[in-house]
Amino acid sequence: RAPRELLLLLPRQQPPDAAARDAWLASAQRA
């Protein structure tokens, strides 16, 4: 999307549903 290189850190397990994804995003934004 832009001319840049990144380090992409991912968990090995996906959130199981939309509620879990919302909770993860809120937690990461607090961190």
PDB file of all heavy atoms in Angstrom:
ATOM      1  N   ARG A   1       0.827  -1.212   0.000  1.00  0.00           N
ATOM      2  CA  ARG A   1       0.000   0.000   0.000  1.00  0.00           C
ATOM      3  C   ARG A   1       0.855   1.254   0.000  1.00  0.00           C
ATOM      4  O   ARG A   1       0.389   2.346  -0.330  1.00  0.00           O
ATOM      5  CB  ARG A   1      -0.911   0.013   1.227  1.00  0.00           C
ATOM      6  CG  ARG A   1      -1.894  -1.151   1.299  1.00  0.00           C
ATOM      7  CD  ARG A   1      -2.542  -1.240   2.661  1.00  0.00           C
ATOM      8  NE  ARG A   1      -1.555  -1.446   3.723  1.00  0.00           N
ATOM      9  CZ  ARG A   1      -1.854  -1.605   5.009  1.00  0.00           C
ATOM     10  NH1 ARG A   1      -3.119  -1.555   5.397  1.00  0.00           N
ATOM     11  NH2 ARG A   1      -0.899  -1.801   5.899  1.00  0.00           N
ATOM     12  N   ALA A   2       2.099   1.121   0.422  1.00  0.00           N
ATOM     13  CA  ALA A   2       3.025   2.258   0.470  1.00  0.00           C
ATOM     14  C   ALA A   2       4.434   1.694   0.297  1.00  0.00           C
ATOM     15  O   ALA A   2       4.694   0.543   0.651  1.00  0.00           O
ATOM     16  CB  ALA A   2       2.903   2.991   1.807  1.00  0.00           C
ATOM     17  N   PRO A   3       5.353   2.482  -0.241  1.00  0.00           N
ATOM     18  CA  PRO A   3       6.714   1.975  -0.457  1.00  0.00           C
ATOM     19  C   PRO A   3       7.494   1.897   0.871  1.00  0.00           C
ATOM     20  O   PRO A   3       8.340   2.754   1.155  1.00  0.00           O
ATOM     21  CB  PRO A   3       7.328   2.983  -1.418  1.00  0.00           C
ATOM     22  CG  PRO A   3       6.608   4.262  -1.116  1.00  0.00           C
ATOM     23  CD  PRO A   3       5.213   3.863  -0.726  1.00  0.00           C
ATOM     24  N   ARG A   4       7.195   0.911   1.672  1.00  0.00           N
ATOM     25  CA  ARG A   4       7.896   0.771   2.939  1.00  0.00           C
ATOM     26  C   ARG A   4       8.024  -0.710   3.308  1.00  0.00           C
ATOM     27  O   ARG A   4       7.217  -1.536   2.888  1.00  0.00           O
ATOM     28  CB  ARG A   4       7.174   1.518   4.068  1.00  0.00           C
ATOM     29  CG  ARG A   4       5.765   1.032   4.325  1.00  0.00           C
ATOM     30  CD  ARG A   4       5.138   1.748   5.508  1.00  0.00           C
ATOM     31  NE  ARG A   4       3.772   1.263   5.760  1.00  0.00           N
ATOM     32  CZ  ARG A   4       3.057   1.591   6.826  1.00  0.00           C
ATOM     33  NH1 ARG A   4       3.560   2.416   7.725  1.00  0.00           N
ATOM     34  NH2 ARG A   4       1.825   1.116   6.973  1.00  0.00           N
ATOM     35  N   GLU A   5       9.072  -0.987   4.072  1.00  0.00           N
ATOM     36  CA  GLU A   5       9.280  -2.339   4.581  1.00  0.00           C
ATOM     37  C   GLU A   5       9.031  -2.340   6.082  1.00  0.00           C
ATOM     38  O   GLU A   5       9.330  -1.363   6.783  1.00  0.00           O
ATOM     39  CB  GLU A   5      10.683  -2.824   4.262  1.00  0.00           C
ATOM     40  CG  GLU A   5      10.928  -2.953   2.770  1.00  0.00           C
ATOM     41  CD  GLU A   5      12.200  -3.699   2.438  1.00  0.00           C
ATOM     42  OE1 GLU A   5      12.991  -3.959   3.370  1.00  0.00           O
ATOM     43  OE2 GLU A   5      12.388  -4.035   1.257  1.00  0.00           O
ATOM     44  N   LEU A   6       8.455  -3.440   6.549  1.00  0.00           N
ATOM     45  CA  LEU A   6       8.010  -3.517   7.932  1.00  0.00           C
ATOM     46  C   LEU A   6       8.429  -4.843   8.559  1.00  0.00           C
ATOM     47  O   LEU A   6       8.778  -5.807   7.874  1.00  0.00           O
ATOM     48  CB  LEU A   6       6.481  -3.393   8.012  1.00  0.00           C
ATOM     49  CG  LEU A   6       5.837  -2.105   7.516  1.00  0.00           C
ATOM     50  CD1 LEU A   6       4.326  -2.289   7.424  1.00  0.00           C
ATOM     51  CD2 LEU A   6       6.181  -0.936   8.432  1.00  0.00           C
ATOM     52  N   LEU A   7       8.365  -4.853   9.866  1.00  0.00           N
ATOM     53  CA  LEU A   7       8.424  -6.088  10.640  1.00  0.00           C
ATOM     54  C   LEU A   7       6.999  -6.400  11.068  1.00  0.00           C
ATOM     55  O   LEU A   7       6.361  -5.600  11.760  1.00  0.00           O
ATOM     56  CB  LEU A   7       9.322  -5.920  11.873  1.00  0.00           C
ATOM     57  CG  LEU A   7      10.800  -5.633  11.605  1.00  0.00           C
ATOM     58  CD1 LEU A   7      11.513  -5.274  12.914  1.00  0.00           C
ATOM     59  CD2 LEU A   7      11.469  -6.832  10.948  1.00  0.00           C
ATOM     60  N   LEU A   8       6.484  -7.535  10.638  1.00  0.00           N
ATOM     61  CA  LEU A   8       5.092  -7.893  10.892  1.00  0.00           C
ATOM     62  C   LEU A   8       5.056  -9.005  11.936  1.00  0.00           C
ATOM     63  O   LEU A   8       5.512 -10.121  11.679  1.00  0.00           O
ATOM     64  CB  LEU A   8       4.420  -8.355   9.599  1.00  0.00           C
ATOM     65  CG  LEU A   8       2.891  -8.416   9.616  1.00  0.00           C
ATOM     66  CD1 LEU A   8       2.301  -7.000   9.677  1.00  0.00           C
ATOM     67  CD2 LEU A   8       2.375  -9.161   8.387  1.00  0.00           C
ATOM     68  N   LEU A   9       4.523  -8.676  13.111  1.00  0.00           N
ATOM     69  CA  LEU A   9       4.453  -9.630  14.217  1.00  0.00           C
ATOM     70  C   LEU A   9       3.023 -10.129  14.350  1.00  0.00           C
ATOM     71  O   LEU A   9       2.082  -9.327  14.465  1.00  0.00           O
ATOM     72  CB  LEU A   9       4.903  -8.957  15.518  1.00  0.00           C
ATOM     73  CG  LEU A   9       5.063  -9.851  16.740  1.00  0.00           C
ATOM     74  CD1 LEU A   9       6.145 -10.912  16.531  1.00  0.00           C
ATOM     75  CD2 LEU A   9       5.409  -9.004  17.971  1.00  0.00           C
ATOM     76  N   LEU A  10       2.856 -11.447  14.303  1.00  0.00           N
ATOM     77  CA  LEU A  10       1.529 -12.055  14.352  1.00  0.00           C
ATOM     78  C   LEU A  10       1.490 -13.144  15.419  1.00  0.00           C
ATOM     79  O   LEU A  10       2.498 -13.807  15.675  1.00  0.00           O
ATOM     80  CB  LEU A  10       1.162 -12.686  13.003  1.00  0.00           C
ATOM     81  CG  LEU A  10       1.255 -11.827  11.755  1.00  0.00           C
ATOM     82  CD1 LEU A  10       2.486 -12.199  10.963  1.00  0.00           C
ATOM     83  CD2 LEU A  10       0.012 -12.003  10.914  1.00  0.00           C
ATOM     84  N   PRO A  11       0.316 -13.366  16.013  1.00  0.00           N
ATOM     85  CA  PRO A  11       0.168 -14.536  16.871  1.00  0.00           C
ATOM     86  C   PRO A  11       0.051 -15.784  16.016  1.00  0.00           C
ATOM     87  O   PRO A  11      -0.260 -15.713  14.817  1.00  0.00           O
ATOM     88  CB  PRO A  11      -1.132 -14.244  17.628  1.00  0.00           C
ATOM     89  CG  PRO A  11      -1.925 -13.403  16.686  1.00  0.00           C
ATOM     90  CD  PRO A  11      -0.919 -12.578  15.922  1.00  0.00           C
ATOM     91  N   ARG A  12       0.251 -16.949  16.619  1.00  0.00           N
ATOM     92  CA  ARG A  12       0.097 -18.209  15.886  1.00  0.00           C
ATOM     93  C   ARG A  12      -1.342 -18.712  15.901  1.00  0.00           C
ATOM     94  O   ARG A  12      -1.634 -19.759  15.327  1.00  0.00           O
ATOM     95  CB  ARG A  12       1.026 -19.279  16.484  1.00  0.00           C
ATOM     96  CG  ARG A  12       2.512 -18.971  16.388  1.00  0.00           C
ATOM     97  CD  ARG A  12       3.019 -18.998  14.964  1.00  0.00           C
ATOM     98  NE  ARG A  12       2.915 -20.305  14.347  1.00  0.00           N
ATOM     99  CZ  ARG A  12       3.813 -21.290  14.469  1.00  0.00           C
ATOM    100  NH1 ARG A  12       4.885 -21.095  15.217  1.00  0.00           N
ATOM    101  NH2 ARG A  12       3.629 -22.431  13.846  1.00  0.00           N
ATOM    102  N   GLN A  13      -2.205 -17.974  16.588  1.00  0.00           N
ATOM    103  CA  GLN A  13      -3.606 -18.399  16.686  1.00  0.00           C
ATOM    104  C   GLN A  13      -4.507 -17.202  16.422  1.00  0.00           C
ATOM    105  O   GLN A  13      -4.330 -16.132  17.007  1.00  0.00           O
ATOM    106  CB  GLN A  13      -3.872 -18.984  18.074  1.00  0.00           C
ATOM    107  CG  GLN A  13      -5.206 -19.707  18.200  1.00  0.00           C
ATOM    108  CD  GLN A  13      -5.327 -20.411  19.540  1.00  0.00           C
ATOM    109  OE1 GLN A  13      -4.838 -19.912  20.553  1.00  0.00           O
ATOM    110  NE2 GLN A  13      -5.971 -21.554  19.556  1.00  0.00           N
ATOM    111  N   GLN A  14      -5.499 -17.365  15.555  1.00  0.00           N
ATOM    112  CA  GLN A  14      -6.419 -16.282  15.233  1.00  0.00           C
ATOM    113  C   GLN A  14      -7.494 -16.140  16.309  1.00  0.00           C
ATOM    114  O   GLN A  14      -7.894 -17.131  16.928  1.00  0.00           O
ATOM    115  CB  GLN A  14      -7.108 -16.561  13.907  1.00  0.00           C
ATOM    116  CG  GLN A  14      -6.212 -16.529  12.694  1.00  0.00           C
ATOM    117  CD  GLN A  14      -6.948 -16.996  11.460  1.00  0.00           C
ATOM    118  OE1 GLN A  14      -7.461 -18.107  11.416  1.00  0.00           O
ATOM    119  NE2 GLN A  14      -7.027 -16.112  10.456  1.00  0.00           N
ATOM    120  N   PRO A  15      -7.979 -14.916  16.522  1.00  0.00           N
ATOM    121  CA  PRO A  15      -9.169 -14.772  17.374  1.00  0.00           C
ATOM    122  C   PRO A  15     -10.328 -15.552  16.761  1.00  0.00           C
ATOM    123  O   PRO A  15     -10.528 -15.512  15.531  1.00  0.00           O
ATOM    124  CB  PRO A  15      -9.429 -13.266  17.376  1.00  0.00           C
ATOM    125  CG  PRO A  15      -8.127 -12.649  16.971  1.00  0.00           C
ATOM    126  CD  PRO A  15      -7.477 -13.619  16.049  1.00  0.00           C
ATOM    127  N   PRO A  16     -11.114 -16.259  17.572  1.00  0.00           N
ATOM    128  CA  PRO A  16     -12.125 -17.162  17.009  1.00  0.00           C
ATOM    129  C   PRO A  16     -13.331 -16.473  16.398  1.00  0.00           C
ATOM    130  O   PRO A  16     -14.032 -17.058  15.558  1.00  0.00           O
ATOM    131  CB  PRO A  16     -12.530 -18.025  18.207  1.00  0.00           C
ATOM    132  CG  PRO A  16     -12.233 -17.161  19.400  1.00  0.00           C
ATOM    133  CD  PRO A  16     -11.023 -16.369  19.032  1.00  0.00           C
ATOM    134  N   ASP A  17     -13.634 -15.232  16.801  1.00  0.00           N
ATOM    135  CA  ASP A  17     -14.855 -14.606  16.287  1.00  0.00           C
ATOM    136  C   ASP A  17     -14.691 -13.088  16.316  1.00  0.00           C
ATOM    137  O   ASP A  17     -13.658 -12.544  16.743  1.00  0.00           O
ATOM    138  CB  ASP A  17     -16.074 -15.030  17.118  1.00  0.00           C
ATOM    139  CG  ASP A  17     -15.858 -14.852  18.612  1.00  0.00           C
ATOM    140  OD1 ASP A  17     -15.237 -13.839  19.013  1.00  0.00           O
ATOM    141  OD2 ASP A  17     -16.300 -15.725  19.382  1.00  0.00           O
ATOM    142  N   ALA A  18     -15.731 -12.381  15.894  1.00  0.00           N
ATOM    143  CA  ALA A  18     -15.679 -10.916  15.804  1.00  0.00           C
ATOM    144  C   ALA A  18     -15.497 -10.275  17.171  1.00  0.00           C
ATOM    145  O   ALA A  18     -14.766  -9.287  17.319  1.00  0.00           O
ATOM    146  CB  ALA A  18     -16.943 -10.395  15.132  1.00  0.00           C
ATOM    147  N   ALA A  19     -16.161 -10.818  18.195  1.00  0.00           N
ATOM    148  CA  ALA A  19     -16.031 -10.259  19.541  1.00  0.00           C
ATOM    149  C   ALA A  19     -14.591 -10.371  20.037  1.00  0.00           C
ATOM    150  O   ALA A  19     -14.048  -9.436  20.645  1.00  0.00           O
ATOM    151  CB  ALA A  19     -16.986 -10.972  20.500  1.00  0.00           C
ATOM    152  N   ALA A  20     -13.953 -11.507  19.765  1.00  0.00           N
ATOM    153  CA  ALA A  20     -12.565 -11.695  20.172  1.00  0.00           C
ATOM    154  C   ALA A  20     -11.641 -10.752  19.410  1.00  0.00           C
ATOM    155  O   ALA A  20     -10.667 -10.231  19.968  1.00  0.00           O
ATOM    156  CB  ALA A  20     -12.148 -13.148  19.958  1.00  0.00           C
ATOM    157  N   ARG A  21     -11.957 -10.507  18.122  1.00  0.00           N
ATOM    158  CA  ARG A  21     -11.129  -9.568  17.350  1.00  0.00           C
ATOM    159  C   ARG A  21     -11.257  -8.154  17.899  1.00  0.00           C
ATOM    160  O   ARG A  21     -10.270  -7.422  18.012  1.00  0.00           O
ATOM    161  CB  ARG A  21     -11.516  -9.617  15.871  1.00  0.00           C
ATOM    162  CG  ARG A  21     -11.086 -10.900  15.162  1.00  0.00           C
ATOM    163  CD  ARG A  21     -11.192 -10.768  13.652  1.00  0.00           C
ATOM    164  NE  ARG A  21     -12.590 -10.704  13.210  1.00  0.00           N
ATOM    165  CZ  ARG A  21     -13.335 -11.779  12.948  1.00  0.00           C
ATOM    166  NH1 ARG A  21     -12.834 -12.991  13.104  1.00  0.00           N
ATOM    167  NH2 ARG A  21     -14.585 -11.642  12.529  1.00  0.00           N
ATOM    168  N   ASP A  22     -12.465  -7.759  18.253  1.00  0.00           N
ATOM    169  CA  ASP A  22     -12.665  -6.425  18.830  1.00  0.00           C
ATOM    170  C   ASP A  22     -11.916  -6.283  20.153  1.00  0.00           C
ATOM    171  O   ASP A  22     -11.309  -5.233  20.433  1.00  0.00           O
ATOM    172  CB  ASP A  22     -14.160  -6.160  19.045  1.00  0.00           C
ATOM    173  CG  ASP A  22     -14.917  -5.991  17.737  1.00  0.00           C
ATOM    174  OD1 ASP A  22     -14.247  -5.749  16.697  1.00  0.00           O
ATOM    175  OD2 ASP A  22     -16.161  -6.106  17.751  1.00  0.00           O
ATOM    176  N   ALA A  23     -11.970  -7.342  20.970  1.00  0.00           N
ATOM    177  CA  ALA A  23     -11.283  -7.305  22.265  1.00  0.00           C
ATOM    178  C   ALA A  23      -9.772  -7.208  22.062  1.00  0.00           C
ATOM    179  O   ALA A  23      -9.076  -6.472  22.774  1.00  0.00           O
ATOM    180  CB  ALA A  23     -11.635  -8.546  23.086  1.00  0.00           C
ATOM    181  N   TRP A  24      -9.240  -7.964  21.062  1.00  0.00           N
ATOM    182  CA  TRP A  24      -7.795  -7.893  20.802  1.00  0.00           C
ATOM    183  C   TRP A  24      -7.398  -6.487  20.366  1.00  0.00           C
ATOM    184  O   TRP A  24      -6.389  -5.950  20.844  1.00  0.00           O
ATOM    185  CB  TRP A  24      -7.409  -8.888  19.698  1.00  0.00           C
ATOM    186  CG  TRP A  24      -5.934  -8.857  19.422  1.00  0.00           C
ATOM    187  CD1 TRP A  24      -4.974  -9.609  20.005  1.00  0.00           C
ATOM    188  CD2 TRP A  24      -5.251  -7.985  18.500  1.00  0.00           C
ATOM    189  NE1 TRP A  24      -3.729  -9.275  19.524  1.00  0.00           N
ATOM    190  CE2 TRP A  24      -3.870  -8.274  18.589  1.00  0.00           C
ATOM    191  CE3 TRP A  24      -5.679  -6.998  17.614  1.00  0.00           C
ATOM    192  CZ2 TRP A  24      -2.918  -7.612  17.835  1.00  0.00           C
ATOM    193  CZ3 TRP A  24      -4.715  -6.320  16.863  1.00  0.00           C
ATOM    194  CH2 TRP A  24      -3.345  -6.631  16.970  1.00  0.00           C
ATOM    195  N   LEU A  25      -8.154  -5.887  19.466  1.00  0.00           N
ATOM    196  CA  LEU A  25      -7.807  -4.562  18.963  1.00  0.00           C
ATOM    197  C   LEU A  25      -7.827  -3.530  20.084  1.00  0.00           C
ATOM    198  O   LEU A  25      -6.916  -2.701  20.191  1.00  0.00           O
ATOM    199  CB  LEU A  25      -8.778  -4.155  17.844  1.00  0.00           C
ATOM    200  CG  LEU A  25      -8.476  -2.825  17.152  1.00  0.00           C
ATOM    201  CD1 LEU A  25      -7.098  -2.852  16.508  1.00  0.00           C
ATOM    202  CD2 LEU A  25      -9.547  -2.502  16.109  1.00  0.00           C
ATOM    203  N   ALA A  26      -8.830  -3.595  20.952  1.00  0.00           N
ATOM    204  CA  ALA A  26      -8.903  -2.643  22.064  1.00  0.00           C
ATOM    205  C   ALA A  26      -7.719  -2.823  23.006  1.00  0.00           C
ATOM    206  O   ALA A  26      -7.130  -1.840  23.491  1.00  0.00           O
ATOM    207  CB  ALA A  26     -10.221  -2.832  22.814  1.00  0.00           C
ATOM    208  N   SER A  27      -7.351  -4.078  23.238  1.00  0.00           N
ATOM    209  CA  SER A  27      -6.221  -4.344  24.119  1.00  0.00           C
ATOM    210  C   SER A  27      -4.915  -3.838  23.513  1.00  0.00           C
ATOM    211  O   SER A  27      -4.105  -3.202  24.189  1.00  0.00           O
ATOM    212  CB  SER A  27      -6.129  -5.853  24.398  1.00  0.00           C
ATOM    213  OG  SER A  27      -5.003  -6.144  25.188  1.00  0.00           O
ATOM    214  N   ALA A  28      -4.690  -4.105  22.232  1.00  0.00           N
ATOM    215  CA  ALA A  28      -3.463  -3.659  21.569  1.00  0.00           C
ATOM    216  C   ALA A  28      -3.363  -2.143  21.549  1.00  0.00           C
ATOM    217  O   ALA A  28      -2.276  -1.575  21.710  1.00  0.00           O
ATOM    218  CB  ALA A  28      -3.418  -4.219  20.142  1.00  0.00           C
ATOM    219  N   GLN A  29      -4.492  -1.459  21.360  1.00  0.00           N
ATOM    220  CA  GLN A  29      -4.474   0.003  21.344  1.00  0.00           C
ATOM    221  C   GLN A  29      -4.156   0.577  22.726  1.00  0.00           C
ATOM    222  O   GLN A  29      -3.550   1.639  22.828  1.00  0.00           O
ATOM    223  CB  GLN A  29      -5.814   0.523  20.826  1.00  0.00           C
ATOM    224  CG  GLN A  29      -6.007   0.274  19.329  1.00  0.00           C
ATOM    225  CD  GLN A  29      -7.389   0.615  18.836  1.00  0.00           C
ATOM    226  OE1 GLN A  29      -8.342   0.660  19.631  1.00  0.00           O
ATOM    227  NE2 GLN A  29      -7.539   0.837  17.538  1.00  0.00           N
ATOM    228  N   ARG A  30      -4.557  -0.123  23.783  1.00  0.00           N
ATOM    229  CA  ARG A  30      -4.183   0.323  25.129  1.00  0.00           C
ATOM    230  C   ARG A  30      -2.689   0.116  25.376  1.00  0.00           C
ATOM    231  O   ARG A  30      -2.032   0.934  26.023  1.00  0.00           O
ATOM    232  CB  ARG A  30      -4.997  -0.434  26.180  1.00  0.00           C
ATOM    233  CG  ARG A  30      -6.465  -0.055  26.237  1.00  0.00           C
ATOM    234  CD  ARG A  30      -7.097  -0.489  27.556  1.00  0.00           C
ATOM    235  NE  ARG A  30      -6.991  -1.922  27.769  1.00  0.00           N
ATOM    236  CZ  ARG A  30      -7.857  -2.820  27.331  1.00  0.00           C
ATOM    237  NH1 ARG A  30      -8.902  -2.415  26.615  1.00  0.00           N
ATOM    238  NH2 ARG A  30      -7.705  -4.112  27.592  1.00  0.00           N
ATOM    239  N   ALA A  31      -2.166  -0.985  24.851  1.00  0.00           N
ATOM    240  CA  ALA A  31      -0.747  -1.297  25.083  1.00  0.00           C
ATOM    241  C   ALA A  31       0.176  -0.249  24.479  1.00  0.00           C
ATOM    242  O   ALA A  31       1.207   0.085  25.067  1.00  0.00           O
ATOM    243  CB  ALA A  31      -0.423  -2.685  24.525  1.00  0.00           C
TER     244      ALA A  31
END
